Each structure stands twice: as structure tokens, then as C-alpha cells.
């Protein structure tokens, strides 16, 4: 029986070895895990008494961090703080000496450019609030929360009418 012969111009040219993309995917996954956002980022700092309630990321050797610690201050971290779908992604209490270490298992924390809201409150102290971008993991910065004695309040609760007006 005669085999049907197809002219060479009609046959597709297939290379002997087809490259696979598995090594490229492995490199991409490794890079994403190395960049962070997989549970290795943490917000570390200290809550101290001060003349006014405020907070900021400061170098770990900032002398203000040696002030009198405020224990059991509630600290909340909100993701997408400037959007209507903002949500609390981490919550913790400060230790007896005012220190805290809050693991932040959120993708992109510390390297993606986005707004985060950090709030702190405790009975007998004025609350503190900060809208910020998270510092990079290797920056050596810690969060200093300064709280002034005064009328305590609950943590950040946005006014629904204000939120409606802002995002309509």
C-alpha cells in the first residue's frame, strides 16, 4: 500500500526539544516567597506615654522609645485604609513594658505601595492613628506609638456618612 506523502512545505516544523516553562515558574514562585507577604513580615514597636497621641516609624535607637511603657494598648492594622472595603488584618495588645510584635501575614506588606491605617487605643489615654505605607523589611524601623493621658476612646470607626460621601 502506498503511503500518502505530504510535501515538506505543508508539514509543520517541530523542534526536537520543546522548551518547558517549569523552571521559569519555579523561579517566579521563589522570588515571590523571598519578597515577603507570606507571613514573615511583622510590625514591631513600643507604646509609650507622651505629651500628645501620635505614632510614627522611627529608627530602633530613637530615645523616645525608652519612655514609660503603656501596657494593654490595643493596636489594629487596617488594609486598604482609603477604600470602602478597608478591613482589619491584624490586632494585638501591647505587653507590660509597652512593646508589641504583630505578625502581618498579608501579601505585599512592606514592599507593595499601598495605604495602611494603624490605630491604637486604651482606656485612660487619647487614641492614636496613622495612615502610612509599611516600611521595607530591612529598613530597621520600628513603630513608636505615643499616647497622652486623657479620655480614652474605642479604636478607629469611620463615620458611615463620611465614607459614603468620600466614595460615591
Protein backbone atom coordinates (compact mmCIF):
# COMPACT_ATOMS: atom_id res chain seq x y z
CA UNK A 1 0.00 0.00 0.00
CA UNK A 2 1.33 3.41 -0.88
CA UNK A 3 1.65 5.84 2.00
CA UNK A 4 0.33 9.29 1.44
CA UNK A 5 3.27 11.61 1.23
CA UNK A 6 2.80 15.20 2.29
CA UNK A 7 5.15 17.68 0.69
CA UNK A 8 7.64 19.18 3.15
CA UNK A 9 6.25 22.68 2.66
CA UNK A 10 2.96 21.57 4.23
CA UNK A 11 4.45 19.82 7.27
CA UNK A 12 4.88 21.94 10.37
CA UNK A 13 8.40 22.23 11.61
CA UNK A 14 8.59 20.99 15.22
CA UNK A 15 11.88 21.32 17.03
CA UNK A 16 13.32 18.16 18.53
CA UNK A 17 13.07 19.56 22.07
CA UNK A 18 10.24 21.86 23.09
CA UNK A 19 11.27 24.22 25.92
CA UNK A 20 9.26 23.92 29.12
CA UNK A 21 8.28 26.82 31.30
CA UNK A 22 8.52 24.89 34.57
CA UNK A 23 11.94 26.36 35.52
CA UNK A 24 10.63 29.87 34.90
CA UNK A 25 7.59 29.24 37.14
CA UNK A 26 9.83 27.85 39.88
CA UNK A 27 11.99 30.99 39.75
CA UNK A 28 8.91 33.24 39.87
CA UNK A 29 7.42 31.44 42.89
CA UNK A 30 10.78 31.53 44.69
CA UNK A 31 11.08 35.27 44.03
CA UNK A 32 7.59 35.98 45.37
CA UNK A 33 8.22 33.98 48.54
CA UNK A 34 11.54 35.76 49.05
CA UNK A 35 9.99 39.22 48.61
CA UNK A 36 7.67 38.71 51.55
CA UNK A 37 3.99 38.68 52.20
CA UNK A 38 3.95 35.03 53.20
CA UNK A 39 3.85 35.51 56.94
CA UNK A 40 7.39 36.73 57.56
CA UNK A 41 6.58 40.45 57.89
CA UNK A 42 5.88 41.92 61.34
CA UNK A 43 5.17 45.34 62.77
CA UNK A 44 7.38 45.72 65.84
CA UNK A 45 7.46 48.65 68.23
CA UNK A 46 6.56 50.15 71.58
CA UNK A 47 3.70 52.16 73.09
CA UNK A 48 4.96 54.95 75.40
CA UNK A 49 3.41 57.84 77.32
CA UNK A 50 3.85 61.26 75.78
CA UNK A 51 2.50 64.81 75.66
CA UNK A 52 0.22 64.01 72.70
CA UNK A 53 -1.11 60.91 70.99
CA UNK A 54 0.70 60.17 67.75
CA UNK A 55 2.65 57.42 66.03
CA UNK A 56 5.48 57.10 63.53
CA UNK A 57 8.02 54.63 62.20
CA UNK A 58 11.37 55.57 63.78
CA UNK A 59 14.88 54.07 63.99
CA UNK A 60 15.13 51.39 66.68
CA UNK A 61 17.58 53.55 68.68
CA UNK A 62 15.21 56.56 68.94
CA UNK A 63 15.47 57.85 72.57
CA UNK A 64 11.70 58.39 72.81
CA UNK A 65 11.25 54.61 72.77
CA UNK A 66 12.80 54.50 76.28
CA UNK A 67 9.85 56.39 77.80
CA UNK A 68 7.32 54.93 80.21
CA UNK A 69 5.58 51.99 78.51
CA UNK A 70 1.81 51.75 78.18
CA UNK A 71 0.57 48.20 78.72
CA UNK A 72 -2.55 46.59 77.19
CA UNK A 73 -2.98 49.22 74.47
CA UNK A 74 -5.00 47.73 71.61
CA UNK A 75 -3.30 48.08 68.23
CA UNK A 76 -5.16 47.42 64.97
CA UNK A 77 -3.83 47.36 61.42
CA UNK A 78 -6.27 48.10 58.58
CA UNK A 79 -5.52 47.21 54.96
CA UNK A 80 -6.81 49.31 52.04
CA UNK A 81 -7.42 52.12 54.51
CA UNK A 82 -8.51 54.66 51.90
CA UNK A 83 -11.01 52.35 50.20
CA UNK A 84 -14.56 51.40 51.14
CA UNK A 85 -13.54 47.73 51.57
CA UNK A 86 -10.99 48.52 54.29
CA UNK A 87 -10.62 45.68 56.79
CA UNK A 88 -8.75 44.90 60.00
CA UNK A 89 -5.99 42.40 59.14
CA UNK A 90 -4.16 42.27 62.48
CA UNK A 91 -4.89 43.12 66.10
CA UNK A 92 -2.75 42.87 69.24
CA UNK A 93 -2.22 44.23 72.75
CA UNK A 94 0.99 45.82 73.98
CA UNK A 95 2.97 43.93 76.65
CA UNK A 96 3.59 45.12 80.23
CA UNK A 97 6.57 47.22 79.06
CA UNK A 98 4.61 48.64 76.10
CA UNK A 99 6.34 46.53 73.45
CA UNK A 100 4.50 44.65 70.71
CA UNK A 101 5.28 42.37 67.78
CA UNK A 102 2.40 41.93 65.33
CA UNK A 103 2.85 39.34 62.56
CA UNK A 104 1.32 40.59 59.33
CA UNK A 105 0.56 37.65 57.04
CA UNK A 106 -0.68 39.81 54.17
CA UNK A 107 0.65 39.57 50.63
CA UNK A 108 2.74 42.61 49.71
CA UNK A 109 3.22 44.01 53.21
CA UNK A 110 6.44 46.02 53.26
CA UNK A 111 7.06 46.13 49.52
CA UNK A 112 3.81 46.99 47.72
CA UNK A 113 2.89 50.67 47.58
CA UNK A 114 -0.44 50.96 49.40
CA UNK A 115 -2.03 52.79 52.31
CA UNK A 116 -2.40 51.13 55.72
CA UNK A 117 -4.12 52.58 58.80
CA UNK A 118 -2.71 51.76 62.23
CA UNK A 119 -4.79 52.66 65.28
CA UNK A 120 -4.14 52.39 68.99
CA UNK A 121 -6.43 52.86 71.96
CA UNK A 122 -6.54 52.21 75.69
CA UNK A 123 -8.83 53.35 78.49
CA UNK A 124 -7.45 56.50 80.14
CA UNK A 125 -5.43 57.57 77.06
CA UNK A 126 -6.26 59.56 73.94
CA UNK A 127 -6.24 57.29 70.86
CA UNK A 128 -3.54 57.47 68.18
CA UNK A 129 -3.99 56.99 64.44
CA UNK A 130 -1.59 56.76 61.49
CA UNK A 131 -2.19 56.49 57.74
CA UNK A 132 1.04 55.22 56.20
CA UNK A 133 2.89 52.89 53.87
CA UNK A 134 4.62 49.98 55.60
CA UNK A 135 8.41 50.29 55.67
CA UNK A 136 10.54 47.68 53.92
CA UNK A 137 11.56 44.69 55.96
CA UNK A 138 15.25 45.61 56.12
CA UNK A 139 14.83 49.33 56.94
CA UNK A 140 15.43 48.84 60.68
CA UNK A 141 12.39 50.96 61.57
CA UNK A 142 10.03 50.27 64.47
CA UNK A 143 6.62 51.75 65.21
CA UNK A 144 6.62 54.24 68.07
CA UNK A 145 3.12 54.84 69.44
CA UNK A 146 2.95 57.78 71.83
CA UNK A 147 -0.24 58.05 73.87
CA UNK A 148 -1.23 61.03 76.02
CA UNK A 149 -3.20 60.51 79.21
CA UNK A 150 -6.75 61.67 78.68
CA UNK A 151 -10.19 60.50 77.76
CA UNK A 152 -9.97 57.03 76.26
CA UNK A 153 -11.89 56.09 73.15
CA UNK A 154 -12.52 52.99 71.11
CA UNK A 155 -10.41 52.24 68.08
CA UNK A 156 -10.98 53.80 64.66
CA UNK A 157 -14.59 53.60 63.50
CA UNK A 158 -15.18 55.64 60.37
CA UNK A 159 -18.37 57.67 60.13
CA UNK A 160 -20.63 55.85 57.59
CA UNK A 161 -21.93 59.14 56.17
CA UNK A 162 -18.36 60.42 55.70
CA UNK A 163 -17.42 57.15 53.97
CA UNK A 164 -20.45 57.42 51.67
CA UNK A 165 -19.60 60.98 50.68
CA UNK A 166 -15.94 60.14 50.09
CA UNK A 167 -16.54 57.12 47.85
CA UNK A 168 -19.70 57.94 45.93
